[in-house]
Amino acid sequence: MARINPFDDAEGSYYVLFDGEDHHSLWPSFADIPAGWTVEHGPAGRQACLDHIGDGCPGPRPATAA
């Protein structure tokens, strides 16, 4: 039986984590939250968390980038 990567499980429950330096991460809700990160969104489905990152979180570019 093949194992599913917990970050790719479309049926899984996730958080969106934030590290205070404008970095965001999709994180499985069953796993311990790493030191220095806080929950910004969730728990929610994978797509809802990805949508949150895509819609409301800053990207990797500086805010002054055009």
C-alpha atoms as a PDB file:
ATOM      1  CA  MET A   1       0.000   0.000   0.000  1.00  0.00           C
ATOM      2  CA  ALA A   2       1.392   3.393  -1.006  1.00  0.00           C
ATOM      3  CA  ARG A   3       1.746   6.052   1.664  1.00  0.00           C
ATOM      4  CA  ILE A   4       0.394   9.540   1.038  1.00  0.00           C
ATOM      5  CA  ASN A   5       2.665  12.479   1.754  1.00  0.00           C
ATOM      6  CA  PRO A   6       0.787  14.353   4.522  1.00  0.00           C
ATOM      7  CA  PHE A   7       1.318  17.632   2.644  1.00  0.00           C
ATOM      8  CA  ASP A   8      -0.408  16.206  -0.454  1.00  0.00           C
ATOM      9  CA  ASP A   9      -3.420  14.580   1.208  1.00  0.00           C
ATOM     10  CA  ALA A  10      -6.444  16.302  -0.346  1.00  0.00           C
ATOM     11  CA  GLU A  11      -8.655  14.870   2.418  1.00  0.00           C
ATOM     12  CA  GLY A  12      -6.371  15.979   5.252  1.00  0.00           C
ATOM     13  CA  SER A  13      -6.805  18.759   7.792  1.00  0.00           C
ATOM     14  CA  TYR A  14      -4.262  21.590   7.743  1.00  0.00           C
ATOM     15  CA  TYR A  15      -3.171  24.859   9.277  1.00  0.00           C
ATOM     16  CA  VAL A  16      -1.592  27.876   7.665  1.00  0.00           C
ATOM     17  CA  LEU A  17       1.373  28.804   9.830  1.00  0.00           C
ATOM     18  CA  PHE A  18       3.107  32.189  10.033  1.00  0.00           C
ATOM     19  CA  ASP A  19       6.619  32.835  11.334  1.00  0.00           C
ATOM     20  CA  GLY A  20       6.497  36.617  11.875  1.00  0.00           C
ATOM     21  CA  GLU A  21       8.770  37.305   8.893  1.00  0.00           C
ATOM     22  CA  ASP A  22       6.042  37.112   6.224  1.00  0.00           C
ATOM     23  CA  HIS A  23       6.675  33.390   5.656  1.00  0.00           C
ATOM     24  CA  HIS A  24       3.657  31.110   5.519  1.00  0.00           C
ATOM     25  CA  SER A  25       3.478  27.341   5.469  1.00  0.00           C
ATOM     26  CA  LEU A  26       0.862  24.681   4.899  1.00  0.00           C
ATOM     27  CA  TRP A  27       1.057  22.321   7.880  1.00  0.00           C
ATOM     28  CA  PRO A  28      -0.808  19.071   8.673  1.00  0.00           C
ATOM     29  CA  SER A  29      -3.003  19.567  11.743  1.00  0.00           C
ATOM     30  CA  PHE A  30      -1.899  16.258  13.310  1.00  0.00           C
ATOM     31  CA  ALA A  31       1.756  17.371  13.506  1.00  0.00           C
ATOM     32  CA  ASP A  32       3.262  19.505  16.275  1.00  0.00           C
ATOM     33  CA  ILE A  33       3.670  23.149  15.318  1.00  0.00           C
ATOM     34  CA  PRO A  34       7.377  23.996  14.990  1.00  0.00           C
ATOM     35  CA  ALA A  35       8.945  26.510  17.375  1.00  0.00           C
ATOM     36  CA  GLY A  36       8.722  30.068  16.079  1.00  0.00           C
ATOM     37  CA  TRP A  37       5.560  29.466  14.023  1.00  0.00           C
ATOM     38  CA  THR A  38       1.961  30.327  14.937  1.00  0.00           C
ATOM     39  CA  VAL A  39      -1.370  29.247  13.497  1.00  0.00           C
ATOM     40  CA  GLU A  40      -2.858  31.915  11.239  1.00  0.00           C
ATOM     41  CA  HIS A  41      -5.698  29.868   9.691  1.00  0.00           C
ATOM     42  CA  GLY A  42      -7.363  26.540  10.248  1.00  0.00           C
ATOM     43  CA  PRO A  43      -7.778  23.808  10.878  1.00  0.00           C
ATOM     44  CA  ALA A  44      -9.314  23.543   7.437  1.00  0.00           C
ATOM     45  CA  GLY A  45      -9.121  21.488   4.282  1.00  0.00           C
ATOM     46  CA  ARG A  46      -6.015  21.574   2.122  1.00  0.00           C
ATOM     47  CA  GLN A  47      -7.545  23.670  -0.656  1.00  0.00           C
ATOM     48  CA  ALA A  48      -9.023  26.194   1.801  1.00  0.00           C
ATOM     49  CA  CYS A  49      -5.577  26.670   3.340  1.00  0.00           C
ATOM     50  CA  LEU A  50      -3.914  27.015  -0.069  1.00  0.00           C
ATOM     51  CA  ASP A  51      -6.579  29.559  -1.051  1.00  0.00           C
ATOM     52  CA  HIS A  52      -5.875  31.498   2.155  1.00  0.00           C
ATOM     53  CA  ILE A  53      -2.181  31.591   1.333  1.00  0.00           C
ATOM     54  CA  GLY A  54      -2.879  32.625  -2.266  1.00  0.00           C
ATOM     55  CA  ASP A  55      -5.502  35.250  -1.442  1.00  0.00           C
ATOM     56  CA  GLY A  56      -4.409  36.913   1.727  1.00  0.00           C
ATOM     57  CA  CYS A  57      -0.779  36.239   2.469  1.00  0.00           C
ATOM     58  CA  PRO A  58       2.117  38.223   1.083  1.00  0.00           C
ATOM     59  CA  GLY A  59       4.172  36.528  -1.562  1.00  0.00           C
ATOM     60  CA  PRO A  60       7.921  35.992  -1.521  1.00  0.00           C
ATOM     61  CA  ARG A  61       8.528  39.335  -3.276  1.00  0.00           C
ATOM     62  CA  PRO A  62       9.166  42.534  -1.318  1.00  0.00           C
ATOM     63  CA  ALA A  63       6.084  44.702  -0.822  1.00  0.00           C
ATOM     64  CA  THR A  64       7.666  47.378  -3.055  1.00  0.00           C
ATOM     65  CA  ALA A  65       7.989  45.032  -6.051  1.00  0.00           C
ATOM     66  CA  ALA A  66       5.852  46.010  -9.027  1.00  0.00           C
END
